[in-house]
C-alpha atoms as a PDB file:
ATOM      1  CA  MET A   1       0.422  -0.079  -0.028  1.00  0.00           C
ATOM      2  CA  GLN A   2       1.143   3.568  -0.537  1.00  0.00           C
ATOM      3  CA  LEU A   3      -0.332   6.878   0.216  1.00  0.00           C
ATOM      4  CA  VAL A   4      -0.671   9.471  -2.285  1.00  0.00           C
ATOM      5  CA  GLN A   5      -1.410  13.089  -1.746  1.00  0.00           C
ATOM      6  CA  ARG A   6      -3.447  14.965  -4.580  1.00  0.00           C
ATOM      7  CA  ALA A   7      -4.221  18.451  -4.754  1.00  0.00           C
ATOM      8  CA  ASP A   8      -7.087  17.567  -7.441  1.00  0.00           C
ATOM      9  CA  VAL A   9      -8.796  15.115  -8.645  1.00  0.00           C
ATOM     10  CA  THR A  10     -10.026  15.206 -12.259  1.00  0.00           C
ATOM     11  CA  GLY A  11     -11.452  12.644 -15.188  1.00  0.00           C
ATOM     12  CA  ALA A  12     -11.425   9.237 -14.823  1.00  0.00           C
ATOM     13  CA  ASP A  13      -9.754   9.373 -11.055  1.00  0.00           C
ATOM     14  CA  ALA A  14     -12.846  10.996  -9.971  1.00  0.00           C
ATOM     15  CA  ASP A  15     -14.954   8.807 -11.403  1.00  0.00           C
ATOM     16  CA  ALA A  16     -12.919   6.155 -10.125  1.00  0.00           C
ATOM     17  CA  LEU A  17     -13.443   7.783  -6.610  1.00  0.00           C
ATOM     18  CA  TRP A  18     -17.031   7.966  -7.052  1.00  0.00           C
ATOM     19  CA  THR A  19     -17.348   4.321  -7.864  1.00  0.00           C
ATOM     20  CA  LEU A  20     -15.528   3.739  -4.356  1.00  0.00           C
ATOM     21  CA  TYR A  21     -17.655   6.237  -2.291  1.00  0.00           C
ATOM     22  CA  SER A  22     -21.034   4.702  -3.828  1.00  0.00           C
ATOM     23  CA  ARG A  23     -19.529   1.360  -3.078  1.00  0.00           C
ATOM     24  CA  ALA A  24     -18.512   2.150   0.510  1.00  0.00           C
ATOM     25  CA  PHE A  25     -21.611   4.243   1.280  1.00  0.00           C
ATOM     26  CA  GLY A  26     -23.687   1.199   0.090  1.00  0.00           C
ATOM     27  CA  ARG A  27     -22.266  -1.252   2.412  1.00  0.00           C
ATOM     28  CA  ARG A  28     -22.730   1.658   5.460  1.00  0.00           C
ATOM     29  CA  ARG A  29     -26.202   2.010   4.711  1.00  0.00           C
ATOM     30  CA  ARG A  30     -27.006  -1.508   5.057  1.00  0.00           C
ATOM     31  CA  ASN A  31     -24.983  -1.942   8.228  1.00  0.00           C
ATOM     32  CA  ARG A  32     -26.610   1.272   9.573  1.00  0.00           C
ATOM     33  CA  PRO A  33     -30.255   2.009   8.592  1.00  0.00           C
ATOM     34  CA  GLY A  34     -30.474   5.454   9.932  1.00  0.00           C
ATOM     35  CA  ALA A  35     -27.311   6.892   8.052  1.00  0.00           C
ATOM     36  CA  PRO A  36     -27.496   9.799   6.319  1.00  0.00           C
ATOM     37  CA  ALA A  37     -27.876  10.854   2.579  1.00  0.00           C
ATOM     38  CA  PRO A  38     -25.098  10.142  -0.242  1.00  0.00           C
ATOM     39  CA  MET A  39     -23.325  13.739  -0.909  1.00  0.00           C
ATOM     40  CA  PRO A  40     -24.254  14.268  -4.302  1.00  0.00           C
ATOM     41  CA  ARG A  41     -21.929  13.568  -7.289  1.00  0.00           C
ATOM     42  CA  GLU A  42     -21.572  17.736  -8.009  1.00  0.00           C
ATOM     43  CA  LEU A  43     -20.760  18.371  -4.548  1.00  0.00           C
ATOM     44  CA  PHE A  44     -18.514  15.600  -4.689  1.00  0.00           C
ATOM     45  CA  ASP A  45     -17.001  16.786  -7.564  1.00  0.00           C
ATOM     46  CA  LEU A  46     -16.463  20.056  -6.375  1.00  0.00           C
ATOM     47  CA  ALA A  47     -14.630  19.209  -3.452  1.00  0.00           C
ATOM     48  CA  LEU A  48     -12.018  16.764  -5.427  1.00  0.00           C
ATOM     49  CA  HIS A  49     -11.586  20.374  -7.549  1.00  0.00           C
ATOM     50  CA  ASP A  50     -10.921  22.626  -4.501  1.00  0.00           C
ATOM     51  CA  LEU A  51      -7.469  22.840  -4.197  1.00  0.00           C
ATOM     52  CA  ARG A  52      -7.878  24.047  -0.586  1.00  0.00           C
ATOM     53  CA  ILE A  53      -8.388  20.295   0.184  1.00  0.00           C
ATOM     54  CA  THR A  54      -6.149  17.757   0.464  1.00  0.00           C
ATOM     55  CA  LYS A  55      -7.258  14.250  -1.239  1.00  0.00           C
ATOM     56  CA  PHE A  56      -5.082  11.745   0.571  1.00  0.00           C
ATOM     57  CA  LEU A  57      -5.180   8.217  -1.396  1.00  0.00           C
ATOM     58  CA  VAL A  58      -4.306   4.665  -0.443  1.00  0.00           C
ATOM     59  CA  VAL A  59      -2.846   2.855  -3.646  1.00  0.00           C
ATOM     60  CA  ASP A  60      -2.306  -0.613  -4.115  1.00  0.00           C
ATOM     61  CA  LEU A  61       0.745  -1.280  -5.913  1.00  0.00           C
ATOM     62  CA  LEU A  62       0.078  -5.067  -6.139  1.00  0.00           C
ATOM     63  CA  GLU A  63      -3.605  -4.343  -7.862  1.00  0.00           C
ATOM     64  CA  GLY A  64      -2.602  -2.171 -10.970  1.00  0.00           C
ATOM     65  CA  ARG A  65      -2.576   0.728  -8.273  1.00  0.00           C
ATOM     66  CA  SER A  66      -6.155   0.792  -7.844  1.00  0.00           C
ATOM     67  CA  VAL A  67      -7.279   3.135  -4.933  1.00  0.00           C
ATOM     68  CA  ALA A  68      -8.287   1.034  -1.853  1.00  0.00           C
ATOM     69  CA  ALA A  69      -9.268   3.959   0.436  1.00  0.00           C
ATOM     70  CA  PHE A  70      -9.311   7.826   0.071  1.00  0.00           C
ATOM     71  CA  ALA A  71     -10.111  10.664   2.455  1.00  0.00           C
ATOM     72  CA  THR A  72     -10.298  14.324   1.903  1.00  0.00           C
ATOM     73  CA  LEU A  73      -8.836  16.891   4.542  1.00  0.00           C
ATOM     74  CA  GLY A  74      -9.862  20.687   4.322  1.00  0.00           C
ATOM     75  CA  PRO A  75      -9.086  23.794   6.265  1.00  0.00           C
ATOM     76  CA  ALA A  76     -11.942  25.087   8.676  1.00  0.00           C
ATOM     77  CA  VAL A  77     -12.976  27.787   5.807  1.00  0.00           C
ATOM     78  CA  GLY A  78     -14.984  30.199   6.808  1.00  0.00           C
ATOM     79  CA  LEU A  79     -14.282  30.310  10.567  1.00  0.00           C
ATOM     80  CA  ARG A  80     -11.456  32.697  10.662  1.00  0.00           C
ATOM     81  CA  GLU A  81     -13.955  35.676   9.336  1.00  0.00           C
ATOM     82  CA  LEU A  82     -15.555  35.373  12.967  1.00  0.00           C
ATOM     83  CA  LEU A  83     -12.343  36.134  14.663  1.00  0.00           C
ATOM     84  CA  PRO A  84     -12.063  40.127  15.795  1.00  0.00           C
ATOM     85  CA  VAL A  85     -10.454  42.002  12.817  1.00  0.00           C
ATOM     86  CA  GLY A  86      -6.722  43.004  13.518  1.00  0.00           C
ATOM     87  CA  PRO A  87      -2.753  42.585  12.433  1.00  0.00           C
ATOM     88  CA  GLY A  88      -2.856  38.330  13.122  1.00  0.00           C
ATOM     89  CA  ASN A  89      -6.348  38.344  11.041  1.00  0.00           C
ATOM     90  CA  PRO A  90      -7.382  40.394   8.053  1.00  0.00           C
ATOM     91  CA  ALA A  91     -10.968  40.861   7.046  1.00  0.00           C
ATOM     92  CA  SER A  92     -10.716  38.371   4.295  1.00  0.00           C
ATOM     93  CA  ASN A  93      -8.463  35.546   3.838  1.00  0.00           C
ATOM     94  CA  GLY A  94      -9.835  34.433   0.544  1.00  0.00           C
ATOM     95  CA  SER A  95     -11.959  31.459   1.545  1.00  0.00           C
ATOM     96  CA  CYS A  96     -15.504  31.516   0.012  1.00  0.00           C
ATOM     97  CA  CYS A  97     -17.295  32.960   3.014  1.00  0.00           C
ATOM     98  CA  SER A  98     -15.961  36.133   2.454  1.00  0.00           C
ATOM     99  CA  ASN A  99     -18.339  36.939  -0.095  1.00  0.00           C
ATOM    100  CA  GLY A 100     -21.144  37.573   2.566  1.00  0.00           C
ATOM    101  CA  SER A 101     -22.444  33.914   2.721  1.00  0.00           C
ATOM    102  CA  ASP A 102     -23.659  32.365   6.464  1.00  0.00           C
ATOM    103  CA  CYS A 103     -20.376  31.422   7.892  1.00  0.00           C
ATOM    104  CA  SER A 104     -22.160  29.477  10.639  1.00  0.00           C
ATOM    105  CA  ASN A 105     -23.799  27.279   8.566  1.00  0.00           C
ATOM    106  CA  SER A 106     -21.977  27.025   5.463  1.00  0.00           C
ATOM    107  CA  THR A 107     -22.186  23.787   3.287  1.00  0.00           C
ATOM    108  CA  ALA A 108     -21.766  25.281   0.309  1.00  0.00           C
ATOM    109  CA  CYS A 109     -18.258  27.270   1.310  1.00  0.00           C
ATOM    110  CA  SER A 110     -17.035  23.797   3.660  1.00  0.00           C
ATOM    111  CA  ASN A 111     -14.963  20.805   2.207  1.00  0.00           C
ATOM    112  CA  GLY A 112     -18.110  19.680   0.404  1.00  0.00           C
ATOM    113  CA  SER A 113     -18.905  17.470   3.393  1.00  0.00           C
ATOM    114  CA  SER A 114     -22.796  16.832   2.892  1.00  0.00           C
ATOM    115  CA  ASP A 115     -22.248  13.640   3.939  1.00  0.00           C
ATOM    116  CA  GLY A 116     -21.834  14.444   7.884  1.00  0.00           C
ATOM    117  CA  GLU A 117     -22.152  17.937   9.279  1.00  0.00           C
ATOM    118  CA  LEU A 118     -19.490  20.455  10.178  1.00  0.00           C
ATOM    119  CA  PRO A 119     -18.830  21.726  14.105  1.00  0.00           C
ATOM    120  CA  ASP A 120     -20.415  25.225  14.946  1.00  0.00           C
ATOM    121  CA  PRO A 121     -18.004  27.841  14.058  1.00  0.00           C
ATOM    122  CA  ARG A 122     -18.065  29.713  17.121  1.00  0.00           C
ATOM    123  CA  ARG A 123     -17.552  27.119  19.228  1.00  0.00           C
ATOM    124  CA  LEU A 124     -14.247  26.397  17.598  1.00  0.00           C
ATOM    125  CA  VAL A 125     -13.504  30.259  17.804  1.00  0.00           C
ATOM    126  CA  ASP A 126     -13.830  30.261  21.607  1.00  0.00           C
ATOM    127  CA  ARG A 127     -11.229  27.364  22.323  1.00  0.00           C
ATOM    128  CA  TRP A 128      -8.900  27.223  19.705  1.00  0.00           C
ATOM    129  CA  PRO A 129      -8.386  31.091  18.377  1.00  0.00           C
ATOM    130  CA  GLU A 130      -4.674  31.303  17.738  1.00  0.00           C
ATOM    131  CA  GLN A 131      -5.062  27.732  15.766  1.00  0.00           C
ATOM    132  CA  LEU A 132      -7.445  29.057  13.771  1.00  0.00           C
ATOM    133  CA  ARG A 133      -5.380  32.424  12.894  1.00  0.00           C
ATOM    134  CA  GLN A 134      -2.528  30.603  11.824  1.00  0.00           C
ATOM    135  CA  GLY A 135      -4.538  28.143   9.890  1.00  0.00           C
ATOM    136  CA  ARG A 136      -3.870  25.034  12.026  1.00  0.00           C
ATOM    137  CA  VAL A 137      -7.366  23.840  12.252  1.00  0.00           C
ATOM    138  CA  TRP A 138      -9.105  21.077   9.433  1.00  0.00           C
ATOM    139  CA  HIS A 139     -12.054  19.165   9.046  1.00  0.00           C
ATOM    140  CA  LEU A 140     -12.146  15.468   7.727  1.00  0.00           C
ATOM    141  CA  GLY A 141     -15.057  16.032   5.118  1.00  0.00           C
ATOM    142  CA  LEU A 142     -15.096  12.524   3.522  1.00  0.00           C
ATOM    143  CA  MET A 143     -13.166   9.429   4.337  1.00  0.00           C
ATOM    144  CA  ALA A 144     -14.022   5.835   2.326  1.00  0.00           C
ATOM    145  CA  VAL A 145     -12.657   2.582   2.213  1.00  0.00           C
ATOM    146  CA  ASP A 146     -13.205   0.256  -0.539  1.00  0.00           C
ATOM    147  CA  PRO A 147     -15.639  -2.774   0.894  1.00  0.00           C
ATOM    148  CA  GLY A 148     -13.132  -5.189  -0.795  1.00  0.00           C
ATOM    149  CA  TYR A 149     -10.222  -3.767   1.517  1.00  0.00           C
ATOM    150  CA  CYS A 150     -12.359  -4.013   4.653  1.00  0.00           C
ATOM    151  CA  GLY A 151      -9.996  -5.635   7.207  1.00  0.00           C
ATOM    152  CA  THR A 152      -6.761  -5.014   5.290  1.00  0.00           C
ATOM    153  CA  SER A 153      -4.023  -2.271   5.977  1.00  0.00           C
ATOM    154  CA  ALA A 154      -5.438   0.510   3.939  1.00  0.00           C
ATOM    155  CA  ALA A 155      -7.639   2.136   6.777  1.00  0.00           C
ATOM    156  CA  ALA A 156      -4.817   2.339   8.645  1.00  0.00           C
ATOM    157  CA  HIS A 157      -2.502   3.854   5.722  1.00  0.00           C
ATOM    158  CA  LEU A 158      -5.375   6.436   5.526  1.00  0.00           C
ATOM    159  CA  VAL A 159      -5.425   7.709   8.470  1.00  0.00           C
ATOM    160  CA  THR A 160      -2.228   7.949   9.719  1.00  0.00           C
ATOM    161  CA  GLY A 161      -1.433   9.943   6.786  1.00  0.00           C
ATOM    162  CA  VAL A 162      -4.477  12.528   7.654  1.00  0.00           C
ATOM    163  CA  LEU A 163      -3.800  12.827  11.123  1.00  0.00           C
ATOM    164  CA  ALA A 164       0.194  13.237  10.240  1.00  0.00           C
ATOM    165  CA  THR A 165      -0.747  16.886   8.739  1.00  0.00           C
ATOM    166  CA  ALA A 166      -2.100  18.360  12.184  1.00  0.00           C
ATOM    167  CA  ALA A 167       0.809  16.395  14.141  1.00  0.00           C
ATOM    168  CA  ALA A 168       3.531  18.234  12.393  1.00  0.00           C
ATOM    169  CA  SER A 169       2.979  21.633  13.090  1.00  0.00           C
ATOM    170  CA  GLY A 170       0.403  21.184  16.277  1.00  0.00           C
ATOM    171  CA  GLY A 171      -3.233  21.706  15.370  1.00  0.00           C
ATOM    172  CA  VAL A 172      -6.668  20.372  15.547  1.00  0.00           C
ATOM    173  CA  ILE A 173      -8.749  17.739  13.435  1.00  0.00           C
ATOM    174  CA  THR A 174     -12.223  17.501  13.433  1.00  0.00           C
ATOM    175  CA  VAL A 175     -14.147  15.024  12.402  1.00  0.00           C
ATOM    176  CA  ASP A 176     -18.160  14.042  12.144  1.00  0.00           C
ATOM    177  CA  LEU A 177     -18.221  10.833  13.433  1.00  0.00           C
ATOM    178  CA  ASP A 178     -21.425   9.865  12.133  1.00  0.00           C
ATOM    179  CA  ALA A 179     -20.750  10.946   8.718  1.00  0.00           C
ATOM    180  CA  VAL A 180     -17.464   8.530   8.228  1.00  0.00           C
ATOM    181  CA  HIS A 181     -17.270   5.768  10.765  1.00  0.00           C
ATOM    182  CA  GLU A 182     -17.640   2.276   9.365  1.00  0.00           C
ATOM    183  CA  VAL A 183     -18.288  -0.709  11.301  1.00  0.00           C
ATOM    184  CA  GLU A 184     -15.530  -2.127   9.979  1.00  0.00           C
ATOM    185  CA  MET A 185     -13.180   0.487  10.978  1.00  0.00           C
ATOM    186  CA  HIS A 186     -14.088   1.439  14.573  1.00  0.00           C
ATOM    187  CA  LEU A 187     -13.029   4.633  13.366  1.00  0.00           C
ATOM    188  CA  PRO A 188     -13.034   6.983  16.667  1.00  0.00           C
ATOM    189  CA  THR A 189     -10.676   4.306  18.564  1.00  0.00           C
ATOM    190  CA  MET A 190      -8.591   3.867  15.183  1.00  0.00           C
ATOM    191  CA  LEU A 191      -8.106   7.767  15.090  1.00  0.00           C
ATOM    192  CA  TYR A 192      -7.615   7.984  18.796  1.00  0.00           C
ATOM    193  CA  GLU A 193      -4.920   5.365  18.933  1.00  0.00           C
ATOM    194  CA  VAL A 194      -2.767   6.443  15.857  1.00  0.00           C
ATOM    195  CA  ALA A 195      -2.962  10.206  17.033  1.00  0.00           C
ATOM    196  CA  ARG A 196      -1.491   8.548  20.154  1.00  0.00           C
ATOM    197  CA  THR A 197       1.384   7.168  18.367  1.00  0.00           C
ATOM    198  CA  PHE A 198       2.565  10.707  17.218  1.00  0.00           C
ATOM    199  CA  SER A 199       1.967  12.420  20.644  1.00  0.00           C
ATOM    200  CA  ARG A 200       0.833  11.009  24.317  1.00  0.00           C
ATOM    201  CA  ARG A 201      -0.650  14.583  24.846  1.00  0.00           C
ATOM    202  CA  ILE A 202      -3.227  13.934  21.896  1.00  0.00           C
ATOM    203  CA  ARG A 203      -6.661  15.648  23.467  1.00  0.00           C
ATOM    204  CA  LEU A 204     -10.022  14.245  22.198  1.00  0.00           C
ATOM    205  CA  HIS A 205     -12.762  16.961  22.990  1.00  0.00           C
ATOM    206  CA  PRO A 206     -16.779  16.451  22.147  1.00  0.00           C
ATOM    207  CA  LEU A 207     -17.912  19.431  20.268  1.00  0.00           C
ATOM    208  CA  PRO A 208     -21.213  20.100  22.033  1.00  0.00           C
ATOM    209  CA  GLY A 209     -25.052  20.266  19.769  1.00  0.00           C
ATOM    210  CA  SER A 210     -22.856  18.171  17.049  1.00  0.00           C
ATOM    211  CA  SER A 211     -21.827  14.714  16.200  1.00  0.00           C
ATOM    212  CA  CYS A 212     -18.219  16.210  15.800  1.00  0.00           C
ATOM    213  CA  TRP A 213     -15.218  15.643  18.069  1.00  0.00           C
ATOM    214  CA  ALA A 214     -12.020  17.564  17.676  1.00  0.00           C
ATOM    215  CA  TYR A 215      -8.571  16.176  17.874  1.00  0.00           C
ATOM    216  CA  GLU A 216      -6.273  18.536  19.313  1.00  0.00           C
ATOM    217  CA  PHE A 217      -2.416  17.613  18.614  1.00  0.00           C
ATOM    218  CA  PRO A 218       0.417  19.953  20.987  1.00  0.00           C
ATOM    219  CA  ALA A 219       2.848  22.059  19.178  1.00  0.00           C
ATOM    220  CA  PRO A 220       5.539  19.637  18.692  1.00  0.00           C
ATOM    221  CA  VAL A 221       8.383  20.421  21.057  1.00  0.00           C
ATOM    222  CA  PRO A 222      11.977  21.227  20.327  1.00  0.00           C
ATOM    223  CA  ALA A 223      14.848  18.809  20.133  1.00  0.00           C
END
Protein backbone atom coordinates (compact mmCIF):
# COMPACT_ATOMS: atom_id res chain seq x y z
CA MET A 1 0.00 0.00 0.00
CA GLN A 2 1.19 3.50 -0.80
CA LEU A 3 -0.24 6.79 0.45
CA VAL A 4 -0.53 9.52 -2.19
CA GLN A 5 -1.52 13.15 -1.66
CA ARG A 6 -3.27 15.06 -4.43
CA ALA A 7 -4.44 18.65 -4.73
CA ASP A 8 -6.85 18.05 -7.60
CA VAL A 9 -8.60 14.93 -8.83
CA THR A 10 -10.31 14.97 -12.24
CA GLY A 11 -11.46 12.77 -15.11
CA ALA A 12 -11.19 9.01 -14.76
CA ASP A 13 -9.60 9.36 -11.31
CA ALA A 14 -12.62 11.29 -10.05
CA ASP A 15 -14.93 8.64 -11.51
CA ALA A 16 -12.96 5.92 -9.72
CA LEU A 17 -13.22 7.71 -6.37
CA TRP A 18 -16.95 8.25 -6.89
CA THR A 19 -17.39 4.52 -7.54
CA LEU A 20 -15.40 3.71 -4.40
CA TYR A 21 -17.44 6.20 -2.34
CA SER A 22 -20.70 4.78 -3.67
CA ARG A 23 -19.63 1.23 -2.85
CA ALA A 24 -18.53 2.19 0.66
CA PHE A 25 -21.67 4.24 1.28
CA GLY A 26 -23.91 1.41 0.11
CA ARG A 27 -22.25 -0.91 2.61
CA ARG A 28 -22.72 1.67 5.35
CA ARG A 29 -26.41 1.94 4.51
CA ARG A 30 -26.80 -1.80 5.01
CA ASN A 31 -24.98 -1.67 8.34
CA ARG A 32 -26.63 1.52 9.58
CA PRO A 33 -30.26 2.02 8.47
CA GLY A 34 -30.23 5.55 9.91
CA ALA A 35 -27.15 6.69 8.00
CA PRO A 36 -27.35 10.13 6.31
CA ALA A 37 -28.09 10.52 2.62
CA PRO A 38 -25.11 10.19 0.25
CA MET A 39 -23.37 13.28 -1.06
CA PRO A 40 -24.57 14.34 -4.54
CA ARG A 41 -22.02 13.84 -7.31
CA GLU A 42 -21.80 17.56 -8.03
CA LEU A 43 -20.71 18.34 -4.44
CA PHE A 44 -18.36 15.38 -4.47
CA ASP A 45 -16.66 16.76 -7.59
CA LEU A 46 -16.44 20.24 -6.04
CA ALA A 47 -14.51 18.77 -3.12
CA LEU A 48 -12.16 16.90 -5.48
CA HIS A 49 -11.46 20.06 -7.50
CA ASP A 50 -11.03 22.42 -4.54
CA LEU A 51 -7.28 23.11 -4.27
CA ARG A 52 -7.61 24.04 -0.59
CA ILE A 53 -8.54 20.46 0.20
CA THR A 54 -5.90 17.74 0.33
CA LYS A 55 -6.94 14.36 -1.04
CA PHE A 56 -5.30 11.32 0.53
CA LEU A 57 -5.37 8.17 -1.60
CA VAL A 58 -4.23 4.73 -0.52
CA VAL A 59 -3.02 2.96 -3.67
CA ASP A 60 -2.65 -0.81 -3.94
CA LEU A 61 0.53 -1.29 -5.95
CA LEU A 62 -0.13 -5.02 -6.35
CA GLU A 63 -3.50 -4.45 -8.03
CA GLY A 64 -2.61 -2.09 -10.85
CA ARG A 65 -2.47 0.96 -8.57
CA SER A 66 -6.16 0.71 -7.77
CA VAL A 67 -7.36 3.02 -4.99
CA ALA A 68 -8.23 1.13 -1.81
CA ALA A 69 -9.28 4.13 0.29
CA PHE A 70 -9.36 7.90 0.24
CA ALA A 71 -10.07 10.91 2.44
CA THR A 72 -10.35 14.68 2.09
CA LEU A 73 -8.90 17.10 4.62
CA GLY A 74 -9.66 20.78 4.24
CA PRO A 75 -9.20 23.94 6.29
CA ALA A 76 -11.95 24.99 8.65
CA VAL A 77 -13.18 27.37 5.98
CA GLY A 78 -15.14 30.41 7.06
CA LEU A 79 -14.06 30.31 10.69
CA ARG A 80 -11.34 32.97 10.57
CA GLU A 81 -13.89 35.57 9.46
CA LEU A 82 -15.55 35.23 12.88
CA LEU A 83 -12.39 36.37 14.69
CA PRO A 84 -11.83 40.05 15.49
CA VAL A 85 -10.14 41.93 12.65
CA GLY A 86 -6.56 42.82 13.55
CA PRO A 87 -2.92 42.45 12.55
CA GLY A 88 -3.05 38.69 12.95
CA ASN A 89 -6.40 38.29 11.25
CA PRO A 90 -7.19 40.26 8.07
CA ALA A 91 -10.83 40.75 7.22
CA SER A 92 -10.66 38.23 4.42
CA ASN A 93 -8.41 35.23 4.01
CA GLY A 94 -9.68 34.38 0.56
CA SER A 95 -12.07 31.67 1.68
CA CYS A 96 -15.43 31.45 0.00
CA CYS A 97 -17.24 32.65 3.11
CA SER A 98 -15.73 36.10 2.65
CA ASN A 99 -18.38 36.67 -0.02
CA GLY A 100 -21.04 37.37 2.59
CA SER A 101 -22.51 33.90 2.93
CA ASP A 102 -23.53 32.60 6.33
CA CYS A 103 -20.34 31.10 7.73
CA SER A 104 -22.17 29.56 10.67
CA ASN A 105 -23.86 27.07 8.34
CA SER A 106 -21.58 26.98 5.32
CA THR A 107 -22.16 23.65 3.62
CA ALA A 108 -21.54 25.27 0.24
CA CYS A 109 -18.36 26.88 1.54
CA SER A 110 -17.11 23.82 3.36
CA ASN A 111 -14.97 21.02 2.02
CA GLY A 112 -18.00 19.58 0.32
CA SER A 113 -19.05 17.23 3.05
CA SER A 114 -22.83 17.13 2.91
CA ASP A 115 -22.34 13.56 4.09
CA GLY A 116 -21.98 14.94 7.61
CA GLU A 117 -22.00 18.24 9.44
CA LEU A 118 -19.42 20.85 10.25
CA PRO A 119 -18.91 21.77 13.89
CA ASP A 120 -20.37 25.03 15.18
CA PRO A 121 -17.76 27.61 14.08
CA ARG A 122 -18.20 29.78 17.17
CA ARG A 123 -17.33 26.91 19.49
CA LEU A 124 -14.06 26.47 17.60
CA VAL A 125 -13.37 30.19 17.75
CA ASP A 126 -13.85 30.21 21.52
CA ARG A 127 -11.59 27.20 22.08
CA TRP A 128 -8.85 27.55 19.40
CA PRO A 129 -8.55 31.18 18.22
CA GLU A 130 -4.78 31.06 17.72
CA GLN A 131 -4.87 27.82 15.76
CA LEU A 132 -7.57 29.31 13.53
CA ARG A 133 -5.54 32.45 12.89
CA GLN A 134 -2.60 30.29 11.91
CA GLY A 135 -4.64 28.00 9.66
CA ARG A 136 -4.08 24.94 11.85
CA VAL A 137 -7.67 23.73 12.18
CA TRP A 138 -8.84 21.19 9.61
CA HIS A 139 -12.00 19.20 8.94
CA LEU A 140 -12.06 15.59 7.76
CA GLY A 141 -14.91 15.78 5.29
CA LEU A 142 -14.84 12.51 3.38
CA MET A 143 -13.38 9.15 4.26
CA ALA A 144 -14.10 5.87 2.52
CA VAL A 145 -12.55 2.43 2.31
CA ASP A 146 -13.47 0.13 -0.54
CA PRO A 147 -15.44 -2.79 0.92
CA GLY A 148 -12.99 -5.16 -0.73
CA TYR A 149 -10.21 -3.71 1.44
CA CYS A 150 -11.98 -3.83 4.80
CA GLY A 151 -9.82 -5.73 7.27
CA THR A 152 -6.60 -4.76 5.46
CA SER A 153 -4.03 -2.08 6.29
CA ALA A 154 -5.74 0.43 3.96
CA ALA A 155 -7.66 2.23 6.71
CA ALA A 156 -4.59 2.47 8.97
CA HIS A 157 -2.51 3.93 6.10
CA LEU A 158 -5.22 6.49 5.44
CA VAL A 159 -5.72 7.56 9.06
CA THR A 160 -1.97 7.85 9.63
CA GLY A 161 -1.56 10.16 6.63
CA VAL A 162 -4.46 12.38 7.64
CA LEU A 163 -3.39 12.77 11.26
CA ALA A 164 0.23 13.47 10.33
CA THR A 165 -0.90 16.83 8.94
CA ALA A 166 -1.91 18.12 12.36
CA ALA A 167 0.80 16.28 14.26
CA ALA A 168 3.60 17.90 12.24
CA SER A 169 2.89 21.44 13.44
CA GLY A 170 0.35 21.01 16.20
CA GLY A 171 -3.28 21.69 15.41
CA VAL A 172 -6.83 20.42 15.46
CA ILE A 173 -8.70 18.01 13.20
CA THR A 174 -12.48 17.91 13.52
CA VAL A 175 -14.42 14.84 12.46
CA ASP A 176 -18.12 14.10 12.17
CA LEU A 177 -17.92 10.53 13.41
CA ASP A 178 -21.51 9.79 12.41
CA ALA A 179 -20.68 10.72 8.82
CA VAL A 180 -17.40 8.88 8.32
CA HIS A 181 -17.71 5.99 10.79
CA GLU A 182 -17.74 2.54 9.24
CA VAL A 183 -18.67 -0.47 11.36
CA GLU A 184 -15.67 -2.49 10.20
CA MET A 185 -13.20 0.36 10.77
CA HIS A 186 -14.06 1.23 14.39
CA LEU A 187 -13.00 4.71 13.36
CA PRO A 188 -13.21 6.63 16.66
CA THR A 189 -10.90 4.14 18.35
CA MET A 190 -8.58 3.91 15.35
CA LEU A 191 -8.20 7.67 15.06
CA TYR A 192 -7.36 8.04 18.74
CA GLU A 193 -4.93 5.13 18.87
CA VAL A 194 -3.08 6.29 15.75
CA ALA A 195 -3.04 9.86 17.09
CA ARG A 196 -1.33 8.64 20.27
CA THR A 197 1.53 7.22 18.21
CA PHE A 198 2.30 10.81 17.17
CA SER A 199 1.83 12.33 20.61
CA ARG A 200 0.85 10.95 24.00
CA ARG A 201 -0.49 14.42 24.77
CA ILE A 202 -3.25 14.19 22.17
CA ARG A 203 -6.58 15.41 23.52
CA LEU A 204 -10.03 14.38 22.28
CA HIS A 205 -12.84 16.91 22.66
CA PRO A 206 -16.57 16.38 22.04
CA LEU A 207 -18.10 19.43 20.36
CA PRO A 208 -21.50 20.05 21.99
CA GLY A 209 -24.53 20.34 19.78
CA SER A 210 -23.24 18.06 17.02
CA SER A 211 -21.83 14.62 16.35
CA CYS A 212 -18.41 16.19 15.75
CA TRP A 213 -15.28 15.55 17.76
CA ALA A 214 -11.96 17.37 17.72
CA TYR A 215 -8.54 15.74 17.91
CA GLU A 216 -6.11 18.32 19.33
CA PHE A 217 -2.39 17.84 18.75
CA PRO A 218 0.02 19.89 20.89
CA ALA A 219 2.78 21.80 19.14
CA PRO A 220 5.90 19.62 18.78
CA VAL A 221 8.53 20.08 21.46
CA PRO A 222 11.85 21.32 19.96
CA ALA A 223 14.63 18.74 20.18
